[in-house]
Amino acid sequence: MAFRLLVGDLAAIFEVYLLAVGLGALWTAIGTSEPWYLETLSLWAYATTLVASTVLVSMLVLAGVFIVRTGRPETAGQLVTASSPRRTPEASTGGANPDIERLLQSLDHAASGETSPGAVLTTVRERVEVRATPTSPEPESLRRGRAHRVWLTLAGPCITSVLFAGISAAFLPGVGGFLQTNYVINTFFILTFAYGWGGLIAYAAASLFLASAQP
C-alpha cells in the first residue's frame, strides 16, 4: 500500500506540473497575433523533442531491465525463517535436540568401544554438510512481484516520453505549412515541450530512484 501511494503521489505531482505548464502555454499561445516560431525553429524543436523522448524511454526501459535482473534477491530460506512461528521458551527447553542426542550417543558408543572414532567423525561431518546446504534460489513469484513493481513505477515517465515523441513525429511534416498557418497550436506545443521537459526529467529520475529501491 505504501509503495502504491509513493508511485501515485509522484505521478500526481508531475500531472499537476504538466497541467500548469500546459495552461500557461495555452494562455500565451492564444494571446499571439503572429507566428512566434518559424519553419526552421519549429523543425528543430520537434526533431529535438522526438530524439530526446526516444532516448529517454529507451534508457528507462534498459534501466528497468537492469533493476529487475540485479535486484536484491530473497531466498526461500529467509522467507521460511521470517514466516515460521516463534518457538516458545517451553518448546525450546522442554526437550533435548534429537541431533544432539544422537551425537552424544555416538560419542558414548565410541568411548565404550562399540563404535570407531572414524564412524563418529563421519556422522558429524554428514550433519554439518546437511546444515551447510545453501538455501534454495529466489522463487519465481518474488521475481515477478519485483518486476511488476519496477515497471509500474517506470510506466508514468515512459508513457509521457512516448506521447512527447508521438506528437513531435506527427507535427514534423507540417512545420512549413499547417503549423505556420495555425501558429497558436504550434506555439502551444513548443512551449509545452520546452517547459515540460524539465519536469519530465525530474519525474524520470525520481521514478528510477524509487524503482531501484524496490526489494
N, C-alpha and C. Protein backbone atom coordinates (compact mmCIF):
# COMPACT_ATOMS: atom_id res chain seq x y z
N MET A 1 0.83 -1.20 0.00
CA MET A 1 0.00 0.00 0.00
C MET A 1 0.86 1.26 0.00
N ALA A 2 1.91 1.28 0.83
CA ALA A 2 2.80 2.45 0.87
C ALA A 2 3.49 2.66 -0.47
N PHE A 3 3.87 1.56 -1.12
CA PHE A 3 4.51 1.67 -2.44
C PHE A 3 3.57 2.32 -3.44
N ARG A 4 2.31 1.90 -3.47
CA ARG A 4 1.35 2.47 -4.41
C ARG A 4 1.11 3.94 -4.12
N LEU A 5 1.12 4.31 -2.85
CA LEU A 5 0.95 5.72 -2.51
C LEU A 5 2.12 6.55 -3.02
N LEU A 6 3.34 6.03 -2.88
CA LEU A 6 4.50 6.76 -3.37
C LEU A 6 4.45 6.95 -4.87
N VAL A 7 4.13 5.89 -5.60
CA VAL A 7 4.05 5.99 -7.05
C VAL A 7 2.92 6.92 -7.46
N GLY A 8 1.77 6.80 -6.80
CA GLY A 8 0.64 7.67 -7.12
C GLY A 8 0.93 9.13 -6.81
N ASP A 9 1.59 9.40 -5.69
CA ASP A 9 1.94 10.78 -5.35
C ASP A 9 2.90 11.37 -6.36
N LEU A 10 3.87 10.58 -6.78
CA LEU A 10 4.85 11.06 -7.76
C LEU A 10 4.16 11.39 -9.08
N ALA A 11 3.26 10.53 -9.52
CA ALA A 11 2.53 10.78 -10.77
C ALA A 11 1.63 12.00 -10.64
N ALA A 12 0.99 12.16 -9.48
CA ALA A 12 0.10 13.30 -9.28
C ALA A 12 0.87 14.62 -9.31
N ILE A 13 2.05 14.64 -8.71
CA ILE A 13 2.86 15.86 -8.71
C ILE A 13 3.25 16.24 -10.13
N PHE A 14 3.66 15.26 -10.93
CA PHE A 14 4.04 15.56 -12.31
C PHE A 14 2.82 15.99 -13.13
N GLU A 15 1.68 15.38 -12.90
CA GLU A 15 0.47 15.77 -13.64
C GLU A 15 0.09 17.22 -13.33
N VAL A 16 0.18 17.60 -12.08
CA VAL A 16 -0.13 18.99 -11.72
C VAL A 16 0.85 19.94 -12.38
N TYR A 17 2.13 19.58 -12.37
CA TYR A 17 3.15 20.43 -13.01
C TYR A 17 2.90 20.56 -14.50
N LEU A 18 2.63 19.43 -15.17
CA LEU A 18 2.42 19.47 -16.62
C LEU A 18 1.13 20.21 -16.96
N LEU A 19 0.12 20.09 -16.12
CA LEU A 19 -1.12 20.84 -16.35
C LEU A 19 -0.88 22.34 -16.22
N ALA A 20 -0.09 22.74 -15.23
CA ALA A 20 0.23 24.16 -15.08
C ALA A 20 1.02 24.68 -16.28
N VAL A 21 1.97 23.87 -16.75
CA VAL A 21 2.74 24.27 -17.94
C VAL A 21 1.84 24.38 -19.15
N GLY A 22 0.93 23.42 -19.32
CA GLY A 22 0.02 23.45 -20.46
C GLY A 22 -0.91 24.65 -20.43
N LEU A 23 -1.44 24.97 -19.26
CA LEU A 23 -2.32 26.13 -19.15
C LEU A 23 -1.57 27.42 -19.44
N GLY A 24 -0.35 27.53 -18.93
CA GLY A 24 0.45 28.72 -19.22
C GLY A 24 0.79 28.84 -20.70
N ALA A 25 1.13 27.70 -21.32
CA ALA A 25 1.44 27.72 -22.76
C ALA A 25 0.20 28.07 -23.58
N LEU A 26 -0.96 27.54 -23.18
CA LEU A 26 -2.20 27.86 -23.91
C LEU A 26 -2.56 29.33 -23.78
N TRP A 27 -2.40 29.86 -22.59
CA TRP A 27 -2.69 31.28 -22.37
C TRP A 27 -1.78 32.15 -23.23
N THR A 28 -0.52 31.81 -23.29
CA THR A 28 0.42 32.57 -24.10
C THR A 28 0.13 32.42 -25.58
N ALA A 29 -0.19 31.21 -26.02
CA ALA A 29 -0.44 30.97 -27.45
C ALA A 29 -1.69 31.69 -27.93
N ILE A 30 -2.72 31.72 -27.11
CA ILE A 30 -3.95 32.41 -27.50
C ILE A 30 -3.71 33.90 -27.66
N GLY A 31 -2.80 34.45 -26.89
CA GLY A 31 -2.53 35.88 -26.96
C GLY A 31 -1.62 36.30 -28.10
N THR A 32 -1.11 35.36 -28.89
CA THR A 32 -0.22 35.72 -30.00
C THR A 32 -1.03 36.16 -31.21
N SER A 33 -0.48 37.09 -31.96
CA SER A 33 -1.14 37.60 -33.17
C SER A 33 -0.38 37.26 -34.44
N GLU A 34 0.76 36.59 -34.29
CA GLU A 34 1.57 36.18 -35.44
C GLU A 34 2.44 35.00 -35.01
N PRO A 35 2.97 34.26 -35.96
CA PRO A 35 3.80 33.11 -35.60
C PRO A 35 5.04 33.51 -34.80
N TRP A 36 5.25 32.83 -33.70
CA TRP A 36 6.46 33.04 -32.90
C TRP A 36 7.62 32.19 -33.42
N TYR A 37 7.30 31.01 -33.89
CA TYR A 37 8.33 30.05 -34.29
C TYR A 37 8.17 29.74 -35.78
N LEU A 38 9.15 30.15 -36.56
CA LEU A 38 9.12 29.92 -38.00
C LEU A 38 9.49 28.47 -38.31
N GLU A 39 9.58 28.17 -39.60
CA GLU A 39 9.72 26.78 -40.02
C GLU A 39 10.99 26.13 -39.47
N THR A 40 12.12 26.81 -39.57
CA THR A 40 13.38 26.20 -39.14
C THR A 40 13.39 25.94 -37.64
N LEU A 41 12.95 26.93 -36.88
CA LEU A 41 12.94 26.77 -35.42
C LEU A 41 11.94 25.70 -34.99
N SER A 42 10.80 25.66 -35.65
CA SER A 42 9.81 24.62 -35.33
C SER A 42 10.36 23.23 -35.65
N LEU A 43 11.06 23.13 -36.79
CA LEU A 43 11.64 21.84 -37.16
C LEU A 43 12.63 21.36 -36.10
N TRP A 44 13.49 22.25 -35.65
CA TRP A 44 14.47 21.87 -34.64
C TRP A 44 13.79 21.52 -33.31
N ALA A 45 12.75 22.26 -32.96
CA ALA A 45 12.06 22.00 -31.69
C ALA A 45 11.43 20.61 -31.67
N TYR A 46 10.70 20.27 -32.72
CA TYR A 46 10.04 18.96 -32.75
C TYR A 46 11.02 17.82 -32.97
N ALA A 47 12.05 18.05 -33.79
CA ALA A 47 13.05 17.00 -34.00
C ALA A 47 13.81 16.71 -32.72
N THR A 48 14.18 17.77 -31.99
CA THR A 48 14.89 17.58 -30.72
C THR A 48 14.02 16.84 -29.71
N THR A 49 12.75 17.23 -29.64
CA THR A 49 11.83 16.56 -28.71
C THR A 49 11.66 15.09 -29.07
N LEU A 50 11.57 14.80 -30.37
CA LEU A 50 11.41 13.41 -30.81
C LEU A 50 12.62 12.57 -30.44
N VAL A 51 13.81 13.07 -30.73
CA VAL A 51 15.02 12.31 -30.44
C VAL A 51 15.22 12.16 -28.93
N ALA A 52 15.06 13.25 -28.20
CA ALA A 52 15.27 13.20 -26.75
C ALA A 52 14.26 12.27 -26.07
N SER A 53 13.01 12.31 -26.51
CA SER A 53 12.00 11.43 -25.91
C SER A 53 12.29 9.97 -26.21
N THR A 54 12.74 9.69 -27.43
CA THR A 54 13.08 8.31 -27.78
C THR A 54 14.26 7.81 -26.94
N VAL A 55 15.26 8.66 -26.78
CA VAL A 55 16.41 8.28 -25.96
C VAL A 55 16.00 8.06 -24.51
N LEU A 56 15.14 8.93 -23.99
CA LEU A 56 14.72 8.81 -22.59
C LEU A 56 13.95 7.52 -22.34
N VAL A 57 12.99 7.21 -23.21
CA VAL A 57 12.21 5.99 -22.99
C VAL A 57 13.08 4.75 -23.16
N SER A 58 14.06 4.81 -24.06
CA SER A 58 14.98 3.68 -24.22
C SER A 58 15.83 3.49 -22.97
N MET A 59 16.31 4.58 -22.40
CA MET A 59 17.11 4.49 -21.18
C MET A 59 16.27 3.97 -20.01
N LEU A 60 15.02 4.40 -19.93
CA LEU A 60 14.16 3.92 -18.85
C LEU A 60 13.90 2.42 -18.97
N VAL A 61 13.67 1.95 -20.19
CA VAL A 61 13.44 0.52 -20.39
C VAL A 61 14.69 -0.29 -20.03
N LEU A 62 15.85 0.17 -20.49
CA LEU A 62 17.09 -0.54 -20.18
C LEU A 62 17.37 -0.52 -18.67
N ALA A 63 17.12 0.63 -18.04
CA ALA A 63 17.32 0.71 -16.59
C ALA A 63 16.36 -0.22 -15.86
N GLY A 64 15.11 -0.30 -16.34
CA GLY A 64 14.16 -1.21 -15.71
C GLY A 64 14.58 -2.66 -15.81
N VAL A 65 15.07 -3.06 -16.97
CA VAL A 65 15.56 -4.44 -17.14
C VAL A 65 16.74 -4.70 -16.21
N PHE A 66 17.65 -3.73 -16.11
CA PHE A 66 18.81 -3.90 -15.23
C PHE A 66 18.39 -4.01 -13.77
N ILE A 67 17.44 -3.18 -13.35
CA ILE A 67 17.00 -3.21 -11.95
C ILE A 67 16.32 -4.53 -11.63
N VAL A 68 15.50 -5.03 -12.56
CA VAL A 68 14.80 -6.29 -12.32
C VAL A 68 15.78 -7.45 -12.20
N ARG A 69 16.80 -7.46 -13.05
CA ARG A 69 17.73 -8.59 -13.06
C ARG A 69 18.75 -8.52 -11.93
N THR A 70 19.03 -7.34 -11.42
CA THR A 70 20.05 -7.21 -10.38
C THR A 70 19.45 -6.78 -9.06
N GLY A 71 18.15 -6.96 -8.88
CA GLY A 71 17.52 -6.57 -7.64
C GLY A 71 17.99 -7.44 -6.49
N ARG A 72 17.71 -7.00 -5.27
CA ARG A 72 18.13 -7.75 -4.09
C ARG A 72 17.35 -9.04 -4.00
N PRO A 73 18.04 -10.20 -4.06
CA PRO A 73 17.32 -11.47 -4.01
C PRO A 73 16.88 -11.81 -2.60
N GLU A 74 15.78 -12.51 -2.53
CA GLU A 74 15.30 -13.03 -1.26
C GLU A 74 15.20 -14.54 -1.39
N THR A 75 15.90 -15.26 -0.57
CA THR A 75 15.89 -16.71 -0.68
C THR A 75 14.69 -17.29 0.02
N ALA A 76 14.36 -18.49 -0.40
CA ALA A 76 13.22 -19.16 0.22
C ALA A 76 13.49 -19.45 1.68
N GLY A 77 14.74 -19.72 2.01
CA GLY A 77 15.08 -19.99 3.40
C GLY A 77 14.81 -18.80 4.29
N GLN A 78 15.08 -17.58 3.76
CA GLN A 78 14.80 -16.38 4.53
C GLN A 78 13.31 -16.22 4.75
N LEU A 79 12.52 -16.56 3.70
CA LEU A 79 11.08 -16.43 3.84
C LEU A 79 10.54 -17.42 4.86
N VAL A 80 11.06 -18.63 4.84
CA VAL A 80 10.61 -19.62 5.80
C VAL A 80 10.94 -19.19 7.21
N THR A 81 12.14 -18.64 7.39
CA THR A 81 12.54 -18.16 8.71
C THR A 81 11.65 -17.03 9.18
N ALA A 82 11.33 -16.11 8.24
CA ALA A 82 10.52 -14.96 8.62
C ALA A 82 9.08 -15.35 8.90
N SER A 83 8.57 -16.36 8.17
CA SER A 83 7.16 -16.72 8.31
C SER A 83 6.90 -17.80 9.35
N SER A 84 7.94 -18.50 9.79
CA SER A 84 7.75 -19.58 10.75
C SER A 84 7.42 -19.00 12.11
N PRO A 85 6.54 -19.65 12.86
CA PRO A 85 6.19 -19.14 14.19
C PRO A 85 7.36 -19.20 15.14
N ARG A 86 7.36 -18.24 16.06
CA ARG A 86 8.44 -18.20 17.04
C ARG A 86 8.26 -19.33 18.04
N ARG A 87 9.38 -19.94 18.39
CA ARG A 87 9.34 -21.04 19.35
C ARG A 87 9.25 -20.47 20.75
N THR A 88 8.37 -21.02 21.51
CA THR A 88 8.20 -20.57 22.88
C THR A 88 9.32 -21.12 23.74
N PRO A 89 9.57 -20.48 24.87
CA PRO A 89 10.62 -20.99 25.76
C PRO A 89 10.35 -22.42 26.19
N GLU A 90 9.01 -22.78 26.36
CA GLU A 90 8.72 -24.13 26.80
C GLU A 90 9.11 -25.13 25.72
N ALA A 91 8.87 -24.74 24.43
CA ALA A 91 9.18 -25.66 23.35
C ALA A 91 10.68 -25.84 23.19
N SER A 92 11.43 -24.77 23.46
CA SER A 92 12.87 -24.84 23.26
C SER A 92 13.59 -25.52 24.40
N THR A 93 12.99 -25.51 25.55
CA THR A 93 13.66 -26.09 26.71
C THR A 93 12.98 -27.36 27.19
N GLY A 94 11.85 -27.73 26.53
CA GLY A 94 11.11 -28.90 27.01
C GLY A 94 11.85 -30.19 26.76
N GLY A 95 12.68 -30.27 25.75
CA GLY A 95 13.37 -31.50 25.45
C GLY A 95 14.67 -31.22 24.73
N ALA A 96 15.53 -32.20 24.70
CA ALA A 96 16.82 -32.01 24.04
C ALA A 96 16.65 -32.13 22.54
N ASN A 97 17.56 -31.54 21.83
CA ASN A 97 17.57 -31.63 20.37
C ASN A 97 17.89 -33.06 19.95
N PRO A 98 17.08 -33.64 19.03
CA PRO A 98 17.36 -35.04 18.62
C PRO A 98 18.74 -35.21 18.01
N ASP A 99 19.21 -34.22 17.26
CA ASP A 99 20.54 -34.32 16.67
C ASP A 99 21.61 -34.39 17.74
N ILE A 100 21.42 -33.55 18.77
CA ILE A 100 22.41 -33.56 19.86
C ILE A 100 22.38 -34.90 20.60
N GLU A 101 21.17 -35.44 20.81
CA GLU A 101 21.07 -36.72 21.50
C GLU A 101 21.78 -37.83 20.72
N ARG A 102 21.55 -37.84 19.38
CA ARG A 102 22.20 -38.87 18.58
C ARG A 102 23.71 -38.70 18.57
N LEU A 103 24.17 -37.44 18.56
CA LEU A 103 25.60 -37.19 18.57
C LEU A 103 26.22 -37.65 19.89
N LEU A 104 25.53 -37.38 21.00
CA LEU A 104 26.03 -37.82 22.30
C LEU A 104 26.05 -39.35 22.39
N GLN A 105 25.02 -39.98 21.82
CA GLN A 105 25.02 -41.44 21.83
C GLN A 105 26.19 -42.01 21.03
N SER A 106 26.49 -41.35 19.88
CA SER A 106 27.63 -41.81 19.07
C SER A 106 28.93 -41.66 19.85
N LEU A 107 29.06 -40.55 20.58
CA LEU A 107 30.27 -40.35 21.38
C LEU A 107 30.36 -41.37 22.51
N ASP A 108 29.21 -41.71 23.11
CA ASP A 108 29.22 -42.72 24.17
C ASP A 108 29.63 -44.08 23.62
N HIS A 109 29.10 -44.41 22.42
CA HIS A 109 29.48 -45.68 21.83
C HIS A 109 30.96 -45.71 21.48
N ALA A 110 31.48 -44.56 21.00
CA ALA A 110 32.90 -44.52 20.67
C ALA A 110 33.76 -44.67 21.92
N ALA A 111 33.30 -44.05 23.02
CA ALA A 111 34.07 -44.14 24.26
C ALA A 111 34.06 -45.56 24.82
N SER A 112 32.94 -46.26 24.64
CA SER A 112 32.86 -47.63 25.16
C SER A 112 33.44 -48.66 24.22
N GLY A 113 33.88 -48.22 23.03
CA GLY A 113 34.49 -49.13 22.07
C GLY A 113 33.53 -49.77 21.12
N GLU A 114 32.21 -49.47 21.23
CA GLU A 114 31.24 -50.09 20.34
C GLU A 114 31.29 -49.50 18.94
N THR A 115 31.74 -48.23 18.81
CA THR A 115 31.80 -47.55 17.51
C THR A 115 33.18 -46.96 17.35
N SER A 116 33.72 -47.04 16.16
CA SER A 116 35.05 -46.49 15.92
C SER A 116 34.99 -44.97 15.85
N PRO A 117 36.08 -44.28 16.23
CA PRO A 117 36.10 -42.81 16.12
C PRO A 117 35.88 -42.33 14.70
N GLY A 118 36.32 -43.10 13.69
CA GLY A 118 36.11 -42.67 12.31
C GLY A 118 34.64 -42.59 11.96
N ALA A 119 33.86 -43.55 12.46
CA ALA A 119 32.42 -43.52 12.19
C ALA A 119 31.76 -42.32 12.84
N VAL A 120 32.22 -41.97 14.06
CA VAL A 120 31.67 -40.79 14.72
C VAL A 120 31.97 -39.53 13.93
N LEU A 121 33.22 -39.41 13.44
CA LEU A 121 33.58 -38.24 12.64
C LEU A 121 32.76 -38.18 11.36
N THR A 122 32.51 -39.33 10.75
CA THR A 122 31.69 -39.35 9.53
C THR A 122 30.28 -38.87 9.83
N THR A 123 29.73 -39.28 10.95
CA THR A 123 28.38 -38.84 11.32
C THR A 123 28.33 -37.34 11.54
N VAL A 124 29.33 -36.82 12.25
CA VAL A 124 29.38 -35.38 12.50
C VAL A 124 29.53 -34.62 11.19
N ARG A 125 30.41 -35.12 10.30
CA ARG A 125 30.63 -34.45 9.02
C ARG A 125 29.34 -34.41 8.20
N GLU A 126 28.59 -35.51 8.19
CA GLU A 126 27.34 -35.55 7.43
C GLU A 126 26.34 -34.54 7.97
N ARG A 127 26.28 -34.41 9.29
CA ARG A 127 25.32 -33.46 9.86
C ARG A 127 25.73 -32.02 9.55
N VAL A 128 27.03 -31.75 9.57
CA VAL A 128 27.49 -30.40 9.23
C VAL A 128 27.19 -30.08 7.78
N GLU A 129 27.38 -31.07 6.88
CA GLU A 129 27.10 -30.84 5.47
C GLU A 129 25.62 -30.58 5.23
N VAL A 130 24.77 -31.29 5.95
CA VAL A 130 23.33 -31.07 5.80
C VAL A 130 22.96 -29.68 6.26
N ARG A 131 23.51 -29.25 7.40
CA ARG A 131 23.21 -27.93 7.91
C ARG A 131 23.78 -26.84 7.00
N ALA A 132 24.89 -27.12 6.30
CA ALA A 132 25.53 -26.10 5.46
C ALA A 132 24.96 -26.06 4.05
N THR A 133 23.93 -26.86 3.76
CA THR A 133 23.34 -26.84 2.42
C THR A 133 22.77 -25.46 2.14
N PRO A 134 23.10 -24.82 1.02
CA PRO A 134 22.61 -23.48 0.73
C PRO A 134 21.10 -23.47 0.55
N THR A 135 20.52 -22.32 0.82
CA THR A 135 19.09 -22.17 0.67
C THR A 135 18.72 -22.17 -0.80
N SER A 136 17.49 -22.46 -1.07
CA SER A 136 17.02 -22.53 -2.45
C SER A 136 17.03 -21.15 -3.09
N PRO A 137 17.12 -21.08 -4.40
CA PRO A 137 17.15 -19.78 -5.06
C PRO A 137 15.83 -19.03 -4.90
N GLU A 138 15.86 -17.79 -5.32
CA GLU A 138 14.70 -16.92 -5.17
C GLU A 138 13.51 -17.48 -5.93
N PRO A 139 12.34 -17.59 -5.32
CA PRO A 139 11.17 -18.12 -6.01
C PRO A 139 10.75 -17.23 -7.18
N GLU A 140 10.10 -17.85 -8.16
CA GLU A 140 9.64 -17.12 -9.34
C GLU A 140 8.62 -16.05 -8.98
N SER A 141 7.80 -16.32 -7.97
CA SER A 141 6.78 -15.34 -7.58
C SER A 141 7.40 -14.05 -7.07
N LEU A 142 8.54 -14.15 -6.37
CA LEU A 142 9.21 -12.95 -5.87
C LEU A 142 9.78 -12.14 -7.02
N ARG A 143 10.38 -12.81 -8.00
CA ARG A 143 10.93 -12.09 -9.15
C ARG A 143 9.83 -11.39 -9.93
N ARG A 144 8.71 -12.08 -10.10
CA ARG A 144 7.60 -11.45 -10.83
C ARG A 144 7.03 -10.27 -10.07
N GLY A 145 6.93 -10.40 -8.75
CA GLY A 145 6.43 -9.28 -7.96
C GLY A 145 7.33 -8.07 -8.03
N ARG A 146 8.65 -8.30 -7.94
CA ARG A 146 9.58 -7.17 -8.04
C ARG A 146 9.53 -6.54 -9.42
N ALA A 147 9.45 -7.37 -10.48
CA ALA A 147 9.36 -6.84 -11.84
C ALA A 147 8.10 -6.01 -12.02
N HIS A 148 6.99 -6.47 -11.45
CA HIS A 148 5.73 -5.72 -11.57
C HIS A 148 5.85 -4.35 -10.91
N ARG A 149 6.45 -4.30 -9.72
CA ARG A 149 6.59 -3.03 -9.03
C ARG A 149 7.53 -2.08 -9.78
N VAL A 150 8.61 -2.61 -10.34
CA VAL A 150 9.56 -1.77 -11.07
C VAL A 150 8.91 -1.17 -12.30
N TRP A 151 8.23 -1.99 -13.10
CA TRP A 151 7.61 -1.48 -14.33
C TRP A 151 6.44 -0.57 -14.03
N LEU A 152 5.73 -0.82 -12.94
CA LEU A 152 4.66 0.09 -12.55
C LEU A 152 5.21 1.46 -12.19
N THR A 153 6.37 1.49 -11.56
CA THR A 153 7.00 2.77 -11.21
C THR A 153 7.46 3.53 -12.44
N LEU A 154 8.01 2.83 -13.42
CA LEU A 154 8.56 3.48 -14.61
C LEU A 154 7.52 3.71 -15.69
N ALA A 155 6.29 3.26 -15.50
CA ALA A 155 5.27 3.39 -16.54
C ALA A 155 4.94 4.85 -16.83
N GLY A 156 4.85 5.67 -15.79
CA GLY A 156 4.47 7.07 -15.97
C GLY A 156 5.42 7.84 -16.88
N PRO A 157 6.72 7.91 -16.55
CA PRO A 157 7.64 8.65 -17.43
C PRO A 157 7.78 8.01 -18.81
N CYS A 158 7.65 6.69 -18.90
CA CYS A 158 7.73 6.05 -20.23
C CYS A 158 6.56 6.47 -21.11
N ILE A 159 5.36 6.46 -20.56
CA ILE A 159 4.18 6.85 -21.34
C ILE A 159 4.26 8.31 -21.75
N THR A 160 4.70 9.17 -20.84
CA THR A 160 4.83 10.59 -21.17
C THR A 160 5.87 10.81 -22.27
N SER A 161 6.98 10.10 -22.19
CA SER A 161 8.01 10.22 -23.24
C SER A 161 7.48 9.76 -24.59
N VAL A 162 6.71 8.69 -24.60
CA VAL A 162 6.13 8.20 -25.85
C VAL A 162 5.15 9.21 -26.42
N LEU A 163 4.36 9.85 -25.56
CA LEU A 163 3.43 10.88 -26.03
C LEU A 163 4.17 12.07 -26.62
N PHE A 164 5.22 12.52 -25.95
CA PHE A 164 6.03 13.62 -26.49
C PHE A 164 6.60 13.26 -27.85
N ALA A 165 7.13 12.05 -27.96
CA ALA A 165 7.73 11.61 -29.23
C ALA A 165 6.67 11.47 -30.32
N GLY A 166 5.51 10.94 -29.97
CA GLY A 166 4.46 10.76 -30.97
C GLY A 166 3.92 12.07 -31.51
N ILE A 167 3.68 13.02 -30.62
CA ILE A 167 3.19 14.33 -31.06
C ILE A 167 4.23 15.04 -31.92
N SER A 168 5.48 14.97 -31.52
CA SER A 168 6.55 15.61 -32.30
C SER A 168 6.67 14.98 -33.68
N ALA A 169 6.61 13.66 -33.75
CA ALA A 169 6.69 12.99 -35.04
C ALA A 169 5.51 13.34 -35.94
N ALA A 170 4.33 13.51 -35.35
CA ALA A 170 3.15 13.86 -36.14
C ALA A 170 3.22 15.28 -36.68
N PHE A 171 3.85 16.19 -35.94
CA PHE A 171 3.91 17.59 -36.35
C PHE A 171 5.09 17.91 -37.26
N LEU A 172 6.07 17.05 -37.32
CA LEU A 172 7.26 17.34 -38.14
C LEU A 172 6.93 17.60 -39.61
N PRO A 173 6.06 16.84 -40.26
CA PRO A 173 5.78 17.13 -41.68
C PRO A 173 5.07 18.46 -41.92
N GLY A 174 4.43 19.02 -40.91
CA GLY A 174 3.66 20.24 -41.12
C GLY A 174 4.29 21.51 -40.60
N VAL A 175 5.60 21.48 -40.34
CA VAL A 175 6.24 22.68 -39.77
C VAL A 175 6.27 23.84 -40.76
N GLY A 176 6.23 23.54 -42.06
CA GLY A 176 6.31 24.62 -43.05
C GLY A 176 4.98 25.09 -43.58
N GLY A 177 3.90 24.38 -43.30
CA GLY A 177 2.60 24.77 -43.83
C GLY A 177 1.54 24.88 -42.76
N PHE A 178 1.08 23.73 -42.28
CA PHE A 178 -0.02 23.70 -41.33
C PHE A 178 0.30 24.46 -40.05
N LEU A 179 1.45 24.23 -39.48
CA LEU A 179 1.79 24.85 -38.20
C LEU A 179 2.09 26.33 -38.32
N GLN A 180 2.48 26.79 -39.52
CA GLN A 180 2.68 28.22 -39.70
C GLN A 180 1.34 28.93 -39.85
N THR A 181 0.39 28.26 -40.47
CA THR A 181 -0.95 28.84 -40.57
C THR A 181 -1.66 28.80 -39.21
N ASN A 182 -1.58 27.67 -38.54
CA ASN A 182 -2.18 27.52 -37.21
C ASN A 182 -1.09 27.72 -36.15
N TYR A 183 -0.60 28.93 -36.09
CA TYR A 183 0.54 29.21 -35.22
C TYR A 183 0.19 29.13 -33.74
N VAL A 184 -1.10 29.24 -33.41
CA VAL A 184 -1.48 29.10 -32.00
C VAL A 184 -1.19 27.68 -31.51
N ILE A 185 -1.54 26.69 -32.32
CA ILE A 185 -1.25 25.30 -31.97
C ILE A 185 0.25 25.07 -31.89
N ASN A 186 0.97 25.62 -32.85
CA ASN A 186 2.43 25.46 -32.87
C ASN A 186 3.06 26.05 -31.62
N THR A 187 2.64 27.26 -31.28
CA THR A 187 3.20 27.92 -30.09
C THR A 187 2.87 27.15 -28.82
N PHE A 188 1.64 26.65 -28.75
CA PHE A 188 1.22 25.90 -27.56
C PHE A 188 2.09 24.66 -27.33
N PHE A 189 2.28 23.87 -28.37
CA PHE A 189 3.03 22.62 -28.20
C PHE A 189 4.52 22.87 -27.99
N ILE A 190 5.08 23.83 -28.67
CA ILE A 190 6.51 24.09 -28.48
C ILE A 190 6.78 24.58 -27.06
N LEU A 191 5.93 25.46 -26.55
CA LEU A 191 6.12 25.94 -25.18
C LEU A 191 5.88 24.81 -24.17
N THR A 192 4.90 23.97 -24.44
CA THR A 192 4.64 22.84 -23.53
C THR A 192 5.82 21.89 -23.48
N PHE A 193 6.37 21.57 -24.65
CA PHE A 193 7.53 20.67 -24.67
C PHE A 193 8.74 21.32 -24.01
N ALA A 194 8.94 22.60 -24.28
CA ALA A 194 10.13 23.28 -23.76
C ALA A 194 10.12 23.33 -22.23
N TYR A 195 8.98 23.70 -21.65
CA TYR A 195 8.92 23.84 -20.20
C TYR A 195 8.50 22.53 -19.50
N GLY A 196 7.94 21.61 -20.24
CA GLY A 196 7.56 20.34 -19.63
C GLY A 196 8.71 19.36 -19.52
N TRP A 197 9.77 19.60 -20.29
CA TRP A 197 10.89 18.66 -20.29
C TRP A 197 11.62 18.61 -18.95
N GLY A 198 11.73 19.74 -18.31
CA GLY A 198 12.38 19.76 -17.00
C GLY A 198 11.64 18.89 -16.00
N GLY A 199 10.31 19.00 -15.99
CA GLY A 199 9.51 18.16 -15.10
C GLY A 199 9.58 16.69 -15.46
N LEU A 200 9.63 16.40 -16.77
CA LEU A 200 9.72 15.00 -17.20
C LEU A 200 11.04 14.37 -16.78
N ILE A 201 12.13 15.11 -16.90
CA ILE A 201 13.43 14.59 -16.47
C ILE A 201 13.43 14.32 -14.96
N ALA A 202 12.88 15.27 -14.19
CA ALA A 202 12.81 15.07 -12.74
C ALA A 202 11.91 13.89 -12.39
N TYR A 203 10.81 13.75 -13.10
CA TYR A 203 9.89 12.63 -12.88
C TYR A 203 10.57 11.30 -13.19
N ALA A 204 11.31 11.25 -14.29
CA ALA A 204 12.02 10.02 -14.66
C ALA A 204 13.10 9.68 -13.64
N ALA A 205 13.85 10.69 -13.17
CA ALA A 205 14.91 10.43 -12.19
C ALA A 205 14.32 9.93 -10.87
N ALA A 206 13.24 10.57 -10.41
CA ALA A 206 12.61 10.13 -9.17
C ALA A 206 12.03 8.72 -9.30
N SER A 207 11.46 8.41 -10.46
CA SER A 207 10.91 7.07 -10.68
C SER A 207 12.01 6.02 -10.69
N LEU A 208 13.15 6.34 -11.30
CA LEU A 208 14.27 5.40 -11.29
C LEU A 208 14.77 5.15 -9.87
N PHE A 209 14.86 6.21 -9.08
CA PHE A 209 15.30 6.05 -7.70
C PHE A 209 14.32 5.17 -6.92
N LEU A 210 13.03 5.42 -7.12
CA LEU A 210 12.02 4.63 -6.41
C LEU A 210 12.02 3.18 -6.88
N ALA A 211 12.23 2.98 -8.19
CA ALA A 211 12.26 1.61 -8.72
C ALA A 211 13.47 0.84 -8.21
N SER A 212 14.61 1.51 -8.13
CA SER A 212 15.82 0.84 -7.65
C SER A 212 15.75 0.49 -6.17
N ALA A 213 14.87 1.16 -5.43
CA ALA A 213 14.73 0.89 -4.00
C ALA A 213 13.76 -0.25 -3.72
N GLN A 214 13.14 -0.81 -4.77
CA GLN A 214 12.19 -1.91 -4.56
C GLN A 214 12.93 -3.18 -4.15
N PRO A 215 12.42 -3.91 -3.15
CA PRO A 215 13.07 -5.15 -2.72
C PRO A 215 12.87 -6.27 -3.74
